[in-house]
Protein backbone atom coordinates (compact mmCIF):
# COMPACT_ATOMS: atom_id res chain seq x y z
CA UNK A 1 -0.06 0.10 -0.02
CA UNK A 2 1.35 3.44 -0.95
CA UNK A 3 0.97 6.10 1.46
CA UNK A 4 0.36 9.46 -0.14
CA UNK A 5 3.00 12.11 0.88
CA UNK A 6 1.96 14.54 3.71
CA UNK A 7 1.40 18.26 2.60
CA UNK A 8 3.26 20.74 4.87
CA UNK A 9 2.56 24.39 4.80
CA UNK A 10 3.34 27.41 6.75
CA UNK A 11 0.52 30.23 6.79
CA UNK A 12 -0.77 33.13 8.54
CA UNK A 13 -3.13 32.26 11.40
CA UNK A 14 -6.87 32.84 10.80
CA UNK A 15 -9.78 33.51 13.41
CA UNK A 16 -11.01 29.96 13.08
CA UNK A 17 -7.56 28.50 14.23
CA UNK A 18 -7.89 29.92 17.70
CA UNK A 19 -8.63 26.77 19.70
CA UNK A 20 -5.94 24.62 18.04
CA UNK A 21 -3.54 27.63 18.71
CA UNK A 22 -4.84 27.66 22.34
CA UNK A 23 -4.10 24.04 22.50
CA UNK A 24 -0.65 24.57 21.56
CA UNK A 25 -0.19 27.37 24.12
CA UNK A 26 -1.44 24.95 26.81
CA UNK A 27 1.29 22.28 25.54
CA UNK A 28 3.76 25.20 25.78
CA UNK A 29 2.91 26.38 29.04
CA UNK A 30 3.35 22.78 30.55
CA UNK A 31 6.87 22.73 29.00
CA UNK A 32 7.32 26.32 30.73
CA UNK A 33 5.87 24.97 34.06
CA UNK A 34 8.32 22.06 34.17
CA UNK A 35 11.34 24.46 33.22
CA UNK A 36 10.50 27.01 35.97
CA UNK A 37 7.73 26.37 38.53
CA UNK A 38 8.97 29.53 40.41
CA UNK A 39 7.47 31.49 37.54
CA UNK A 40 4.77 29.56 35.93
CA UNK A 41 1.85 27.76 37.21
CA UNK A 42 -0.68 25.40 35.58
CA UNK A 43 -3.38 27.05 33.37
CA UNK A 44 -6.67 26.77 35.48
CA UNK A 45 -10.04 25.84 34.12
CA UNK A 46 -11.58 28.71 32.42
CA UNK A 47 -8.17 30.50 31.84
CA UNK A 48 -6.67 30.94 28.46
CA UNK A 49 -2.97 31.10 27.93
CA UNK A 50 -3.63 33.27 25.02
CA UNK A 51 -6.71 35.55 25.32
CA UNK A 52 -9.03 35.23 22.14
CA UNK A 53 -9.27 39.19 21.94
CA UNK A 54 -5.30 39.48 21.73
CA UNK A 55 -5.28 36.83 19.12
CA UNK A 56 -7.87 38.44 17.00
CA UNK A 57 -6.18 41.72 17.49
CA UNK A 58 -3.06 40.06 15.99
CA UNK A 59 -5.05 39.28 12.98
CA UNK A 60 -5.62 42.84 11.93
CA UNK A 61 -3.81 44.84 9.48
CA UNK A 62 -0.55 46.48 10.92
CA UNK A 63 -0.90 44.44 14.05
CA UNK A 64 2.45 44.22 16.16
CA UNK A 65 2.06 40.50 16.79
CA UNK A 66 2.12 37.70 14.19
CA UNK A 67 1.09 34.25 14.24
CA UNK A 68 2.31 31.70 11.51
CA UNK A 69 1.22 28.21 11.84
CA UNK A 70 2.83 24.83 10.63
CA UNK A 71 0.37 22.69 8.98
CA UNK A 72 0.53 18.82 7.82
CA UNK A 73 -2.59 17.86 5.53
CA UNK A 74 -4.32 20.81 6.95
CA UNK A 75 -3.93 20.00 10.76
CA UNK A 76 -2.13 22.57 12.97
CA UNK A 77 0.96 20.90 14.50
CA UNK A 78 3.21 23.86 15.10
CA UNK A 79 3.46 27.65 15.46
CA UNK A 80 5.46 30.61 15.68
CA UNK A 81 4.58 33.96 16.82
CA UNK A 82 6.69 37.12 16.60
CA UNK A 83 6.79 40.93 16.44
CA UNK A 84 8.58 43.45 14.37
CA UNK A 85 9.87 46.59 15.76
CA UNK A 86 11.68 49.73 14.40
CA UNK A 87 14.23 50.55 16.99
CA UNK A 88 14.75 53.98 15.74
CA UNK A 89 11.84 54.84 18.05
CA UNK A 90 13.80 53.97 21.26
CA UNK A 91 16.55 56.55 22.29
CA UNK A 92 20.04 54.93 22.76
CA UNK A 93 19.24 51.94 20.43
CA UNK A 94 21.11 51.81 17.08
CA UNK A 95 18.21 52.14 14.53
CA UNK A 96 17.27 49.03 12.99
CA UNK A 97 14.35 46.59 12.17
CA UNK A 98 14.16 44.11 14.88
CA UNK A 99 12.05 40.81 14.91
CA UNK A 100 11.43 39.32 18.31
CA UNK A 101 10.31 35.87 18.64
CA UNK A 102 7.63 35.55 21.11
CA UNK A 103 7.06 31.58 21.04
CA UNK A 104 7.57 28.63 19.07
CA UNK A 105 5.76 25.42 19.91
CA UNK A 106 5.35 22.03 18.07
CA UNK A 107 2.84 19.43 19.37
CA UNK A 108 4.48 16.90 21.42
CA UNK A 109 3.84 13.87 19.00
CA UNK A 110 5.42 15.84 16.08
CA UNK A 111 8.66 17.22 18.00
CA UNK A 112 11.98 15.89 16.70
CA UNK A 113 10.66 15.89 12.92
CA UNK A 114 12.45 19.21 12.01
CA UNK A 115 9.26 21.37 12.24
CA UNK A 116 10.87 23.80 14.64
CA UNK A 117 13.76 24.22 12.40
CA UNK A 118 11.48 24.67 9.54
CA UNK A 119 9.60 27.57 11.38
CA UNK A 120 12.88 29.26 12.59
CA UNK A 121 14.36 29.03 9.08
CA UNK A 122 10.99 30.58 7.70
CA UNK A 123 11.09 33.35 10.10
CA UNK A 124 14.82 34.08 9.11
CA UNK A 125 13.85 34.21 5.54
CA UNK A 126 10.95 36.48 6.34
CA UNK A 127 13.50 38.52 8.05
CA UNK A 128 15.92 38.76 5.06
CA UNK A 129 12.89 39.54 2.69
CA UNK A 130 11.73 42.48 5.07
CA UNK A 131 15.40 43.86 5.35
CA UNK A 132 15.28 43.12 9.14
CA UNK A 133 18.58 43.47 10.74
CA UNK A 134 18.31 41.63 13.94
CA UNK A 135 16.35 38.53 15.32
CA UNK A 136 16.21 37.98 19.15
CA UNK A 137 14.33 36.18 21.86
CA UNK A 138 14.62 35.02 25.45
CA UNK A 139 13.97 31.81 26.91
CA UNK A 140 13.99 29.98 30.17
CA UNK A 141 17.60 29.01 30.98
CA UNK A 142 16.60 25.78 32.51
CA UNK A 143 14.99 24.56 29.08
CA UNK A 144 17.93 22.46 27.97
CA UNK A 145 15.97 21.13 24.95
CA UNK A 146 15.46 24.54 23.65
CA UNK A 147 18.92 25.60 24.35
CA UNK A 148 20.34 22.73 22.40
CA UNK A 149 17.78 23.50 19.63
CA UNK A 150 18.85 27.22 19.37
CA UNK A 151 22.59 26.47 19.54
CA UNK A 152 22.32 23.66 16.65
CA UNK A 153 20.67 26.30 14.59
CA UNK A 154 23.54 28.46 15.05
CA UNK A 155 21.95 31.10 17.29
CA UNK A 156 24.18 32.83 19.77
CA UNK A 157 23.69 33.91 23.27
CA UNK A 158 23.97 37.62 23.42
CA UNK A 159 22.25 38.73 26.47
CA UNK A 160 21.79 37.32 30.19
CA UNK A 161 18.73 37.92 32.31
CA UNK A 162 18.81 37.35 36.13
CA UNK A 163 16.04 36.92 38.62
CA UNK A 164 15.60 36.40 42.27
CA UNK A 165 12.32 34.71 43.46
CA UNK A 166 11.44 36.20 46.87
CA UNK A 167 8.69 34.49 48.63
């Protein structure tokens, strides 16, 4: 029996994608909780890791936040969200266009298949196409899998953030 090749696409999120995106955010917050229980807590019944209004605002023309979805045969299995800024509006910064990665998440059963790499490379190309000079993000220091992933992609540590949890 010959299995048809799966069709993979990356496309902008649509309003009807909210529930699937919310499920991905819930998976992401589970990982974050495991990495840093001093900062994160379980999402409670009736809460949303991504508010529907915030998501719908991101779909409007000129919105600062963008959601791109990785789909296999039309099924959402990953996402990347990011924002584009012009640093010339911030005194003291060298003027440039900056892309800040908000989140990247792949459904647990699809991890290790290169989807995260494809999403990052997609964003890199998008940055090149839009003449964006810098791409950055921050992550939980204890997320060893993510650290290994980003280093494998050739990304460099450029900043360190310290925190202290006081009662």
